[in-house]
PDB file of all heavy atoms in Angstrom:
ATOM      1  N   ILE A   1      86.458 122.301 106.989  1.00  0.00           N
ATOM      2  CA  ILE A   1      86.375 120.998 107.671  1.00  0.00           C
ATOM      3  C   ILE A   1      85.505 121.130 108.920  1.00  0.00           C
ATOM      4  O   ILE A   1      84.624 120.297 109.179  1.00  0.00           O
ATOM      5  CB  ILE A   1      87.772 120.480 108.047  1.00  0.00           C
ATOM      6  CG1 ILE A   1      88.546 120.066 106.802  1.00  0.00           C
ATOM      7  CG2 ILE A   1      87.670 119.287 109.015  1.00  0.00           C
ATOM      8  CD1 ILE A   1      89.984 119.656 107.074  1.00  0.00           C
ATOM      9  N   PHE A   2      85.739 122.185 109.687  1.00  0.00           N
ATOM     10  CA  PHE A   2      84.939 122.393 110.902  1.00  0.00           C
ATOM     11  C   PHE A   2      83.468 122.590 110.549  1.00  0.00           C
ATOM     12  O   PHE A   2      82.579 122.067 111.216  1.00  0.00           O
ATOM     13  CB  PHE A   2      85.477 123.589 111.687  1.00  0.00           C
ATOM     14  CG  PHE A   2      84.833 123.768 113.030  1.00  0.00           C
ATOM     15  CD1 PHE A   2      84.959 122.793 114.003  1.00  0.00           C
ATOM     16  CD2 PHE A   2      84.099 124.909 113.318  1.00  0.00           C
ATOM     17  CE1 PHE A   2      84.365 122.948 115.252  1.00  0.00           C
ATOM     18  CE2 PHE A   2      83.507 125.075 114.561  1.00  0.00           C
ATOM     19  CZ  PHE A   2      83.633 124.089 115.529  1.00  0.00           C
ATOM     20  N   ALA A   3      83.211 123.329 109.469  1.00  0.00           N
ATOM     21  CA  ALA A   3      81.830 123.544 109.023  1.00  0.00           C
ATOM     22  C   ALA A   3      81.155 122.216 108.695  1.00  0.00           C
ATOM     23  O   ALA A   3      79.996 121.982 109.061  1.00  0.00           O
ATOM     24  CB  ALA A   3      81.807 124.472 107.814  1.00  0.00           C
ATOM     25  N   TYR A   4      81.879 121.342 108.018  1.00  0.00           N
ATOM     26  CA  TYR A   4      81.293 120.055 107.657  1.00  0.00           C
ATOM     27  C   TYR A   4      81.013 119.212 108.895  1.00  0.00           C
ATOM     28  O   TYR A   4      79.972 118.544 108.987  1.00  0.00           O
ATOM     29  CB  TYR A   4      82.219 119.296 106.709  1.00  0.00           C
ATOM     30  CG  TYR A   4      81.646 117.973 106.253  1.00  0.00           C
ATOM     31  CD1 TYR A   4      80.563 117.927 105.385  1.00  0.00           C
ATOM     32  CD2 TYR A   4      82.167 116.767 106.722  1.00  0.00           C
ATOM     33  CE1 TYR A   4      80.007 116.717 104.988  1.00  0.00           C
ATOM     34  CE2 TYR A   4      81.629 115.546 106.327  1.00  0.00           C
ATOM     35  CZ  TYR A   4      80.547 115.535 105.461  1.00  0.00           C
ATOM     36  OH  TYR A   4      80.000 114.332 105.072  1.00  0.00           O
ATOM     37  N   LEU A   5      81.915 119.264 109.862  1.00  0.00           N
ATOM     38  CA  LEU A   5      81.704 118.520 111.104  1.00  0.00           C
ATOM     39  C   LEU A   5      80.488 119.052 111.853  1.00  0.00           C
ATOM     40  O   LEU A   5      79.699 118.277 112.408  1.00  0.00           O
ATOM     41  CB  LEU A   5      82.945 118.599 111.987  1.00  0.00           C
ATOM     42  CG  LEU A   5      84.226 117.966 111.429  1.00  0.00           C
ATOM     43  CD1 LEU A   5      85.389 118.206 112.386  1.00  0.00           C
ATOM     44  CD2 LEU A   5      84.035 116.470 111.190  1.00  0.00           C
ATOM     45  N   VAL A   6      80.329 120.382 111.883  1.00  0.00           N
ATOM     46  CA  VAL A   6      79.142 120.983 112.504  1.00  0.00           C
ATOM     47  C   VAL A   6      77.890 120.515 111.771  1.00  0.00           C
ATOM     48  O   VAL A   6      76.883 120.147 112.390  1.00  0.00           O
ATOM     49  CB  VAL A   6      79.241 122.520 112.487  1.00  0.00           C
ATOM     50  CG1 VAL A   6      77.913 123.152 112.908  1.00  0.00           C
ATOM     51  CG2 VAL A   6      80.365 122.992 113.410  1.00  0.00           C
ATOM     52  N   HIS A   7      77.961 120.516 110.447  1.00  0.00           N
ATOM     53  CA  HIS A   7      76.838 120.067 109.624  1.00  0.00           C
ATOM     54  C   HIS A   7      76.434 118.633 109.958  1.00  0.00           C
ATOM     55  O   HIS A   7      75.246 118.307 109.987  1.00  0.00           O
ATOM     56  CB  HIS A   7      77.241 120.174 108.154  1.00  0.00           C
ATOM     57  CG  HIS A   7      76.251 119.618 107.185  1.00  0.00           C
ATOM     58  ND1 HIS A   7      75.028 120.201 106.937  1.00  0.00           N
ATOM     59  CD2 HIS A   7      76.301 118.510 106.383  1.00  0.00           C
ATOM     60  CE1 HIS A   7      74.359 119.487 106.040  1.00  0.00           C
ATOM     61  NE2 HIS A   7      75.105 118.467 105.688  1.00  0.00           N
ATOM     62  N   ARG A   8      77.407 117.794 110.270  1.00  0.00           N
ATOM     63  CA  ARG A   8      77.125 116.389 110.586  1.00  0.00           C
ATOM     64  C   ARG A   8      76.658 116.190 112.028  1.00  0.00           C
ATOM     65  O   ARG A   8      76.295 115.079 112.411  1.00  0.00           O
ATOM     66  CB  ARG A   8      78.360 115.543 110.309  1.00  0.00           C
ATOM     67  CG  ARG A   8      78.726 115.426 108.828  1.00  0.00           C
ATOM     68  CD  ARG A   8      77.636 114.735 108.014  1.00  0.00           C
ATOM     69  NE  ARG A   8      77.318 113.440 108.571  1.00  0.00           N
ATOM     70  CZ  ARG A   8      77.987 112.315 108.307  1.00  0.00           C
ATOM     71  NH1 ARG A   8      79.022 112.359 107.465  1.00  0.00           N
ATOM     72  NH2 ARG A   8      77.650 111.167 108.846  1.00  0.00           N
ATOM     73  N   ASN A   9      76.681 117.258 112.806  1.00  0.00           N
ATOM     74  CA  ASN A   9      76.014 117.278 114.124  1.00  0.00           C
ATOM     75  C   ASN A   9      76.457 116.148 115.046  1.00  0.00           C
ATOM     76  O   ASN A   9      75.641 115.432 115.626  1.00  0.00           O
ATOM     77  CB  ASN A   9      74.495 117.230 113.927  1.00  0.00           C
ATOM     78  CG  ASN A   9      73.734 117.611 115.190  1.00  0.00           C
ATOM     79  OD1 ASN A   9      74.325 117.983 116.192  1.00  0.00           O
ATOM     80  ND2 ASN A   9      72.417 117.496 115.137  1.00  0.00           N
ATOM     81  N   GLY A  10      77.760 115.965 115.182  1.00  0.00           N
ATOM     82  CA  GLY A  10      78.276 114.979 116.128  1.00  0.00           C
ATOM     83  C   GLY A  10      78.586 113.622 115.550  1.00  0.00           C
ATOM     84  O   GLY A  10      79.165 112.776 116.231  1.00  0.00           O
ATOM     85  N   SER A  11      78.193 113.380 114.311  1.00  0.00           N
ATOM     86  CA  SER A  11      78.504 112.095 113.672  1.00  0.00           C
ATOM     87  C   SER A  11      80.001 112.025 113.356  1.00  0.00           C
ATOM     88  O   SER A  11      80.599 113.002 112.914  1.00  0.00           O
ATOM     89  CB  SER A  11      77.708 111.926 112.379  1.00  0.00           C
ATOM     90  OG  SER A  11      76.324 111.882 112.640  1.00  0.00           O
ATOM     91  N   SER A  12      80.585 110.867 113.554  1.00  0.00           N
ATOM     92  CA  SER A  12      81.999 110.678 113.262  1.00  0.00           C
ATOM     93  C   SER A  12      82.216 110.623 111.754  1.00  0.00           C
ATOM     94  O   SER A  12      81.505 109.922 111.025  1.00  0.00           O
ATOM     95  CB  SER A  12      82.504 109.386 113.910  1.00  0.00           C
ATOM     96  OG  SER A  12      83.873 109.213 113.668  1.00  0.00           O
ATOM     97  N   CYS A  13      83.191 111.388 111.282  1.00  0.00           N
ATOM     98  CA  CYS A  13      83.489 111.474 109.848  1.00  0.00           C
ATOM     99  C   CYS A  13      84.935 111.069 109.614  1.00  0.00           C
ATOM    100  O   CYS A  13      85.850 111.618 110.244  1.00  0.00           O
ATOM    101  CB  CYS A  13      83.274 112.889 109.337  1.00  0.00           C
ATOM    102  SG  CYS A  13      81.647 113.580 109.687  1.00  0.00           S
ATOM    103  N   THR A  14      85.160 110.128 108.709  1.00  0.00           N
ATOM    104  CA  THR A  14      86.530 109.737 108.406  1.00  0.00           C
ATOM    105  C   THR A  14      87.223 110.844 107.618  1.00  0.00           C
ATOM    106  O   THR A  14      86.569 111.647 106.937  1.00  0.00           O
ATOM    107  CB  THR A  14      86.573 108.436 107.595  1.00  0.00           C
ATOM    108  OG1 THR A  14      85.994 108.675 106.300  1.00  0.00           O
ATOM    109  CG2 THR A  14      85.822 107.318 108.297  1.00  0.00           C
ATOM    110  N   ILE A  15      88.534 110.871 107.690  1.00  0.00           N
ATOM    111  CA  ILE A  15      89.301 111.861 106.942  1.00  0.00           C
ATOM    112  C   ILE A  15      89.067 111.690 105.443  1.00  0.00           C
ATOM    113  O   ILE A  15      88.949 112.672 104.697  1.00  0.00           O
ATOM    114  CB  ILE A  15      90.801 111.728 107.274  1.00  0.00           C
ATOM    115  CG1 ILE A  15      91.033 111.929 108.772  1.00  0.00           C
ATOM    116  CG2 ILE A  15      91.610 112.736 106.469  1.00  0.00           C
ATOM    117  CD1 ILE A  15      90.585 113.268 109.308  1.00  0.00           C
ATOM    118  N   LYS A  16      88.925 110.449 105.005  1.00  0.00           N
ATOM    119  CA  LYS A  16      88.676 110.192 103.582  1.00  0.00           C
ATOM    120  C   LYS A  16      87.321 110.757 103.164  1.00  0.00           C
ATOM    121  O   LYS A  16      87.187 111.334 102.076  1.00  0.00           O
ATOM    122  CB  LYS A  16      88.742 108.690 103.306  1.00  0.00           C
ATOM    123  CG  LYS A  16      88.589 108.331 101.842  1.00  0.00           C
ATOM    124  CD  LYS A  16      88.754 106.826 101.627  1.00  0.00           C
ATOM    125  CE  LYS A  16      88.619 106.466 100.148  1.00  0.00           C
ATOM    126  NZ  LYS A  16      88.779 105.001  99.927  1.00  0.00           N
ATOM    127  N   GLU A  17      86.312 110.585 104.001  1.00  0.00           N
ATOM    128  CA  GLU A  17      84.982 111.132 103.700  1.00  0.00           C
ATOM    129  C   GLU A  17      85.040 112.653 103.599  1.00  0.00           C
ATOM    130  O   GLU A  17      84.459 113.247 102.670  1.00  0.00           O
ATOM    131  CB  GLU A  17      83.992 110.738 104.798  1.00  0.00           C
ATOM    132  CG  GLU A  17      82.625 111.397 104.680  1.00  0.00           C
ATOM    133  CD  GLU A  17      81.771 111.234 105.914  1.00  0.00           C
ATOM    134  OE1 GLU A  17      82.058 110.347 106.742  1.00  0.00           O
ATOM    135  OE2 GLU A  17      80.804 112.014 106.052  1.00  0.00           O
ATOM    136  N   ILE A  18      85.712 113.291 104.534  1.00  0.00           N
ATOM    137  CA  ILE A  18      85.825 114.748 104.519  1.00  0.00           C
ATOM    138  C   ILE A  18      86.539 115.217 103.253  1.00  0.00           C
ATOM    139  O   ILE A  18      86.126 116.185 102.605  1.00  0.00           O
ATOM    140  CB  ILE A  18      86.555 115.248 105.776  1.00  0.00           C
ATOM    141  CG1 ILE A  18      85.767 114.867 107.038  1.00  0.00           C
ATOM    142  CG2 ILE A  18      86.758 116.764 105.720  1.00  0.00           C
ATOM    143  CD1 ILE A  18      86.512 115.102 108.329  1.00  0.00           C
ATOM    144  N   ALA A  19      87.603 114.511 102.883  1.00  0.00           N
ATOM    145  CA  ALA A  19      88.349 114.864 101.666  1.00  0.00           C
ATOM    146  C   ALA A  19      87.460 114.748 100.435  1.00  0.00           C
ATOM    147  O   ALA A  19      87.520 115.596  99.528  1.00  0.00           O
ATOM    148  CB  ALA A  19      89.568 113.959 101.523  1.00  0.00           C
ATOM    149  N   ALA A  20      86.624 113.722 100.384  1.00  0.00           N
ATOM    150  CA  ALA A  20      85.727 113.526  99.241  1.00  0.00           C
ATOM    151  C   ALA A  20      84.728 114.673  99.126  1.00  0.00           C
ATOM    152  O   ALA A  20      84.349 115.083  98.024  1.00  0.00           O
ATOM    153  CB  ALA A  20      84.996 112.195  99.375  1.00  0.00           C
ATOM    154  N   VAL A  21      84.290 115.210 100.274  1.00  0.00           N
ATOM    155  CA  VAL A  21      83.353 116.324 100.262  1.00  0.00           C
ATOM    156  C   VAL A  21      84.038 117.607  99.831  1.00  0.00           C
ATOM    157  O   VAL A  21      83.530 118.361  98.989  1.00  0.00           O
ATOM    158  CB  VAL A  21      82.720 116.502 101.659  1.00  0.00           C
ATOM    159  CG1 VAL A  21      81.911 117.799 101.730  1.00  0.00           C
ATOM    160  CG2 VAL A  21      81.830 115.312 101.995  1.00  0.00           C
ATOM    161  N   LEU A  22      85.221 117.857 100.380  1.00  0.00           N
ATOM    162  CA  LEU A  22      85.924 119.104 100.102  1.00  0.00           C
ATOM    163  C   LEU A  22      86.525 119.168  98.698  1.00  0.00           C
ATOM    164  O   LEU A  22      86.577 120.238  98.087  1.00  0.00           O
ATOM    165  CB  LEU A  22      87.034 119.329 101.131  1.00  0.00           C
ATOM    166  CG  LEU A  22      86.662 120.148 102.375  1.00  0.00           C
ATOM    167  CD1 LEU A  22      85.545 119.485 103.173  1.00  0.00           C
ATOM    168  CD2 LEU A  22      87.891 120.352 103.260  1.00  0.00           C
ATOM    169  N   PHE A  23      86.952 118.000  98.189  1.00  0.00           N
ATOM    170  CA  PHE A  23      87.692 118.005  96.922  1.00  0.00           C
ATOM    171  C   PHE A  23      87.019 117.175  95.832  1.00  0.00           C
ATOM    172  O   PHE A  23      87.627 116.885  94.809  1.00  0.00           O
ATOM    173  CB  PHE A  23      89.119 117.503  97.163  1.00  0.00           C
ATOM    174  CG  PHE A  23      89.852 118.307  98.207  1.00  0.00           C
ATOM    175  CD1 PHE A  23      90.138 117.760  99.440  1.00  0.00           C
ATOM    176  CD2 PHE A  23      90.223 119.613  97.951  1.00  0.00           C
ATOM    177  CE1 PHE A  23      90.801 118.500 100.413  1.00  0.00           C
ATOM    178  CE2 PHE A  23      90.898 120.363  98.909  1.00  0.00           C
ATOM    179  CZ  PHE A  23      91.186 119.803 100.146  1.00  0.00           C
ATOM    180  N   GLU A  24      85.786 116.771  96.053  1.00  0.00           N
ATOM    181  CA  GLU A  24      84.962 116.072  95.074  1.00  0.00           C
ATOM    182  C   GLU A  24      85.694 114.885  94.433  1.00  0.00           C
ATOM    183  O   GLU A  24      86.021 113.925  95.102  1.00  0.00           O
ATOM    184  CB  GLU A  24      84.467 117.059  94.014  1.00  0.00           C
ATOM    185  CG  GLU A  24      83.517 118.115  94.566  1.00  0.00           C
ATOM    186  CD  GLU A  24      82.902 118.947  93.490  1.00  0.00           C
ATOM    187  OE1 GLU A  24      83.492 119.981  93.121  1.00  0.00           O
ATOM    188  OE2 GLU A  24      81.819 118.556  93.009  1.00  0.00           O
ATOM    189  N   ASP A  25      85.983 114.984  93.134  1.00  0.00           N
ATOM    190  CA  ASP A  25      86.468 113.831  92.379  1.00  0.00           C
ATOM    191  C   ASP A  25      87.992 113.658  92.400  1.00  0.00           C
ATOM    192  O   ASP A  25      88.521 112.773  91.717  1.00  0.00           O
ATOM    193  CB  ASP A  25      86.004 113.929  90.924  1.00  0.00           C
ATOM    194  CG  ASP A  25      84.488 113.924  90.812  1.00  0.00           C
ATOM    195  OD1 ASP A  25      83.848 113.249  91.641  1.00  0.00           O
ATOM    196  OD2 ASP A  25      83.959 114.603  89.913  1.00  0.00           O
ATOM    197  N   GLU A  26      88.681 114.468  93.154  1.00  0.00           N
ATOM    198  CA  GLU A  26      90.133 114.317  93.216  1.00  0.00           C
ATOM    199  C   GLU A  26      90.496 113.001  93.915  1.00  0.00           C
ATOM    200  O   GLU A  26      89.836 112.594  94.869  1.00  0.00           O
ATOM    201  CB  GLU A  26      90.762 115.492  93.973  1.00  0.00           C
ATOM    202  CG  GLU A  26      90.629 116.823  93.254  1.00  0.00           C
ATOM    203  CD  GLU A  26      91.348 117.940  93.987  1.00  0.00           C
ATOM    204  OE1 GLU A  26      92.255 117.625  94.787  1.00  0.00           O
ATOM    205  OE2 GLU A  26      91.000 119.113  93.766  1.00  0.00           O
ATOM    206  N   PRO A  27      91.522 112.308  93.430  1.00  0.00           N
ATOM    207  CA  PRO A  27      91.877 111.006  94.026  1.00  0.00           C
ATOM    208  C   PRO A  27      92.412 111.172  95.447  1.00  0.00           C
ATOM    209  O   PRO A  27      93.106 112.142  95.759  1.00  0.00           O
ATOM    210  CB  PRO A  27      92.972 110.488  93.088  1.00  0.00           C
ATOM    211  CG  PRO A  27      93.562 111.725  92.480  1.00  0.00           C
ATOM    212  CD  PRO A  27      92.422 112.680  92.324  1.00  0.00           C
ATOM    213  N   TYR A  28      92.065 110.220  96.290  1.00  0.00           N
ATOM    214  CA  TYR A  28      92.559 110.236  97.680  1.00  0.00           C
ATOM    215  C   TYR A  28      93.899 109.503  97.711  1.00  0.00           C
ATOM    216  O   TYR A  28      94.010 108.385  98.216  1.00  0.00           O
ATOM    217  CB  TYR A  28      91.538 109.577  98.598  1.00  0.00           C
ATOM    218  CG  TYR A  28      91.854 109.746 100.069  1.00  0.00           C
ATOM    219  CD1 TYR A  28      91.877 111.011 100.655  1.00  0.00           C
ATOM    220  CD2 TYR A  28      92.104 108.642 100.878  1.00  0.00           C
ATOM    221  CE1 TYR A  28      92.153 111.174 102.007  1.00  0.00           C
ATOM    222  CE2 TYR A  28      92.387 108.788 102.227  1.00  0.00           C
ATOM    223  CZ  TYR A  28      92.415 110.067 102.781  1.00  0.00           C
ATOM    224  OH  TYR A  28      92.700 110.216 104.122  1.00  0.00           O
ATOM    225  N   ASP A  29      94.892 110.152  97.164  1.00  0.00           N
ATOM    226  CA  ASP A  29      96.213 109.544  97.076  1.00  0.00           C
ATOM    227  C   ASP A  29      97.085 110.034  98.234  1.00  0.00           C
ATOM    228  O   ASP A  29      96.623 110.744  99.137  1.00  0.00           O
ATOM    229  CB  ASP A  29      96.860 109.853  95.727  1.00  0.00           C
ATOM    230  CG  ASP A  29      96.885 111.355  95.424  1.00  0.00           C
ATOM    231  OD1 ASP A  29      96.716 112.165  96.373  1.00  0.00           O
ATOM    232  OD2 ASP A  29      97.057 111.721  94.240  1.00  0.00           O
ATOM    233  N   LYS A  30      98.341 109.663  98.186  1.00  0.00           N
ATOM    234  CA  LYS A  30      99.256 110.011  99.271  1.00  0.00           C
ATOM    235  C   LYS A  30      99.373 111.523  99.429  1.00  0.00           C
ATOM    236  O   LYS A  30      99.419 112.044 100.555  1.00  0.00           O
ATOM    237  CB  LYS A  30     100.643 109.411  98.976  1.00  0.00           C
ATOM    238  CG  LYS A  30     101.617 109.539 100.140  1.00  0.00           C
ATOM    239  CD  LYS A  30     101.184 108.708 101.331  1.00  0.00           C
ATOM    240  CE  LYS A  30     102.220 108.729 102.441  1.00  0.00           C
ATOM    241  NZ  LYS A  30     101.801 107.933 103.610  1.00  0.00           N
ATOM    242  N   LYS A  31      99.398 112.240  98.312  1.00  0.00           N
ATOM    243  CA  LYS A  31      99.507 113.685  98.353  1.00  0.00           C
ATOM    244  C   LYS A  31      98.320 114.314  99.071  1.00  0.00           C
ATOM    245  O   LYS A  31      98.484 115.212  99.922  1.00  0.00           O
ATOM    246  CB  LYS A  31      99.617 114.244  96.931  1.00  0.00           C
ATOM    247  CG  LYS A  31      99.753 115.759  96.863  1.00  0.00           C
ATOM    248  CD  LYS A  31      99.860 116.229  95.420  1.00  0.00           C
ATOM    249  CE  LYS A  31      99.956 117.756  95.341  1.00  0.00           C
ATOM    250  NZ  LYS A  31     100.047 118.222  93.930  1.00  0.00           N
ATOM    251  N   GLN A  32      97.121 113.836  98.727  1.00  0.00           N
ATOM    252  CA  GLN A  32      95.935 114.397  99.375  1.00  0.00           C
ATOM    253  C   GLN A  32      95.856 113.993 100.850  1.00  0.00           C
ATOM    254  O   GLN A  32      95.439 114.776 101.691  1.00  0.00           O
ATOM    255  CB  GLN A  32      94.661 113.954  98.653  1.00  0.00           C
ATOM    256  CG  GLN A  32      93.430 114.728  99.135  1.00  0.00           C
ATOM    257  CD  GLN A  32      92.174 114.351  98.403  1.00  0.00           C
ATOM    258  OE1 GLN A  32      91.498 113.425  98.816  1.00  0.00           O
ATOM    259  NE2 GLN A  32      91.873 115.050  97.309  1.00  0.00           N
ATOM    260  N   GLN A  33      96.270 112.790 101.169  1.00  0.00           N
ATOM    261  CA  GLN A  33      96.296 112.356 102.559  1.00  0.00           C
ATOM    262  C   GLN A  33      97.191 113.264 103.396  1.00  0.00           C
ATOM    263  O   GLN A  33      96.838 113.653 104.514  1.00  0.00           O
ATOM    264  CB  GLN A  33      96.765 110.910 102.653  1.00  0.00           C
ATOM    265  CG  GLN A  33      95.778 109.894 102.086  1.00  0.00           C
ATOM    266  CD  GLN A  33      96.319 108.487 102.123  1.00  0.00           C
ATOM    267  OE1 GLN A  33      96.976 108.074 103.087  1.00  0.00           O
ATOM    268  NE2 GLN A  33      96.074 107.722 101.062  1.00  0.00           N
ATOM    269  N   ASN A  34      98.352 113.613 102.855  1.00  0.00           N
ATOM    270  CA  ASN A  34      99.267 114.499 103.565  1.00  0.00           C
ATOM    271  C   ASN A  34      98.656 115.891 103.731  1.00  0.00           C
ATOM    272  O   ASN A  34      98.796 116.533 104.786  1.00  0.00           O
ATOM    273  CB  ASN A  34     100.602 114.596 102.817  1.00  0.00           C
ATOM    274  CG  ASN A  34     101.405 113.313 102.909  1.00  0.00           C
ATOM    275  OD1 ASN A  34     101.229 112.517 103.832  1.00  0.00           O
ATOM    276  ND2 ASN A  34     102.295 113.086 101.934  1.00  0.00           N
ATOM    277  N   TYR A  35      97.976 116.340 102.686  1.00  0.00           N
ATOM    278  CA  TYR A  35      97.342 117.655 102.753  1.00  0.00           C
ATOM    279  C   TYR A  35      96.235 117.667 103.806  1.00  0.00           C
ATOM    280  O   TYR A  35      96.102 118.628 104.588  1.00  0.00           O
ATOM    281  CB  TYR A  35      96.798 118.029 101.384  1.00  0.00           C
ATOM    282  CG  TYR A  35      96.210 119.422 101.304  1.00  0.00           C
ATOM    283  CD1 TYR A  35      96.846 120.504 101.909  1.00  0.00           C
ATOM    284  CD2 TYR A  35      95.027 119.664 100.604  1.00  0.00           C
ATOM    285  CE1 TYR A  35      96.313 121.785 101.828  1.00  0.00           C
ATOM    286  CE2 TYR A  35      94.501 120.937 100.516  1.00  0.00           C
ATOM    287  CZ  TYR A  35      95.143 121.997 101.135  1.00  0.00           C
ATOM    288  OH  TYR A  35      94.606 123.261 101.054  1.00  0.00           O
ATOM    289  N   MET A  36      95.432 116.603 103.851  1.00  0.00           N
ATOM    290  CA  MET A  36      94.373 116.510 104.854  1.00  0.00           C
ATOM    291  C   MET A  36      94.957 116.487 106.264  1.00  0.00           C
ATOM    292  O   MET A  36      94.386 117.071 107.198  1.00  0.00           O
ATOM    293  CB  MET A  36      93.518 115.267 104.611  1.00  0.00           C
ATOM    294  CG  MET A  36      92.600 115.364 103.411  1.00  0.00           C
ATOM    295  SD  MET A  36      91.364 116.709 103.567  1.00  0.00           S
ATOM    296  CE  MET A  36      90.493 116.205 105.040  1.00  0.00           C
ATOM    297  N   GLN A  37      96.084 115.851 106.416  1.00  0.00           N
ATOM    298  CA  GLN A  37      96.753 115.828 107.719  1.00  0.00           C
ATOM    299  C   GLN A  37      97.170 117.244 108.130  1.00  0.00           C
ATOM    300  O   GLN A  37      97.023 117.642 109.286  1.00  0.00           O
ATOM    301  CB  GLN A  37      97.965 114.905 107.672  1.00  0.00           C
ATOM    302  CG  GLN A  37      98.632 114.706 109.027  1.00  0.00           C
ATOM    303  CD  GLN A  37      99.783 113.706 108.949  1.00  0.00           C
ATOM    304  OE1 GLN A  37     100.328 113.451 107.882  1.00  0.00           O
ATOM    305  NE2 GLN A  37     100.150 113.148 110.084  1.00  0.00           N
ATOM    306  N   GLN A  38      97.653 118.017 107.173  1.00  0.00           N
ATOM    307  CA  GLN A  38      98.050 119.400 107.442  1.00  0.00           C
ATOM    308  C   GLN A  38      96.826 120.252 107.819  1.00  0.00           C
ATOM    309  O   GLN A  38      96.891 121.072 108.738  1.00  0.00           O
ATOM    310  CB  GLN A  38      98.733 119.994 106.215  1.00  0.00           C
ATOM    311  CG  GLN A  38     100.069 119.363 105.861  1.00  0.00           C
ATOM    312  CD  GLN A  38     100.608 119.876 104.525  1.00  0.00           C
ATOM    313  OE1 GLN A  38     100.291 120.978 104.082  1.00  0.00           O
ATOM    314  NE2 GLN A  38     101.416 119.048 103.862  1.00  0.00           N
ATOM    315  N   LEU A  39      95.730 120.044 107.096  1.00  0.00           N
ATOM    316  CA  LEU A  39      94.521 120.809 107.382  1.00  0.00           C
ATOM    317  C   LEU A  39      93.948 120.464 108.757  1.00  0.00           C
ATOM    318  O   LEU A  39      93.501 121.350 109.487  1.00  0.00           O
ATOM    319  CB  LEU A  39      93.469 120.552 106.297  1.00  0.00           C
ATOM    320  CG  LEU A  39      93.779 121.090 104.899  1.00  0.00           C
ATOM    321  CD1 LEU A  39      92.681 120.676 103.926  1.00  0.00           C
ATOM    322  CD2 LEU A  39      93.921 122.614 104.922  1.00  0.00           C
ATOM    323  N   THR A  40      93.959 119.180 109.089  1.00  0.00           N
ATOM    324  CA  THR A  40      93.473 118.751 110.406  1.00  0.00           C
ATOM    325  C   THR A  40      94.322 119.367 111.509  1.00  0.00           C
ATOM    326  O   THR A  40      93.801 119.845 112.528  1.00  0.00           O
ATOM    327  CB  THR A  40      93.490 117.226 110.507  1.00  0.00           C
ATOM    328  OG1 THR A  40      92.655 116.671 109.491  1.00  0.00           O
ATOM    329  CG2 THR A  40      92.991 116.769 111.872  1.00  0.00           C
ATOM    330  N   HIS A  41      95.623 119.360 111.299  1.00  0.00           N
ATOM    331  CA  HIS A  41      96.535 119.965 112.278  1.00  0.00           C
ATOM    332  C   HIS A  41      96.243 121.463 112.401  1.00  0.00           C
ATOM    333  O   HIS A  41      96.215 122.004 113.529  1.00  0.00           O
ATOM    334  CB  HIS A  41      97.991 119.744 111.848  1.00  0.00           C
ATOM    335  CG  HIS A  41      98.983 120.418 112.739  1.00  0.00           C
ATOM    336  ND1 HIS A  41      99.328 119.914 113.976  1.00  0.00           N
ATOM    337  CD2 HIS A  41      99.706 121.573 112.578  1.00  0.00           C
ATOM    338  CE1 HIS A  41     100.208 120.720 114.548  1.00  0.00           C
ATOM    339  NE2 HIS A  41     100.458 121.724 113.721  1.00  0.00           N
ATOM    340  N   ALA A  42      96.010 122.144 111.284  1.00  0.00           N
ATOM    341  CA  ALA A  42      95.712 123.573 111.305  1.00  0.00           C
ATOM    342  C   ALA A  42      94.396 123.851 112.022  1.00  0.00           C
ATOM    343  O   ALA A  42      94.277 124.838 112.768  1.00  0.00           O
ATOM    344  CB  ALA A  42      95.666 124.112 109.881  1.00  0.00           C
TER     345      ALA A  42
END
């Protein structure tokens, strides 16, 4: 996640956008939202 943010060079990225990059075609459902929250916290 940090690498992607560095790549975007200061541009604001939504959590949904980051999830789409990291997990490609996986659905952005409640389970993935919770996982992204855990990763952001980490």
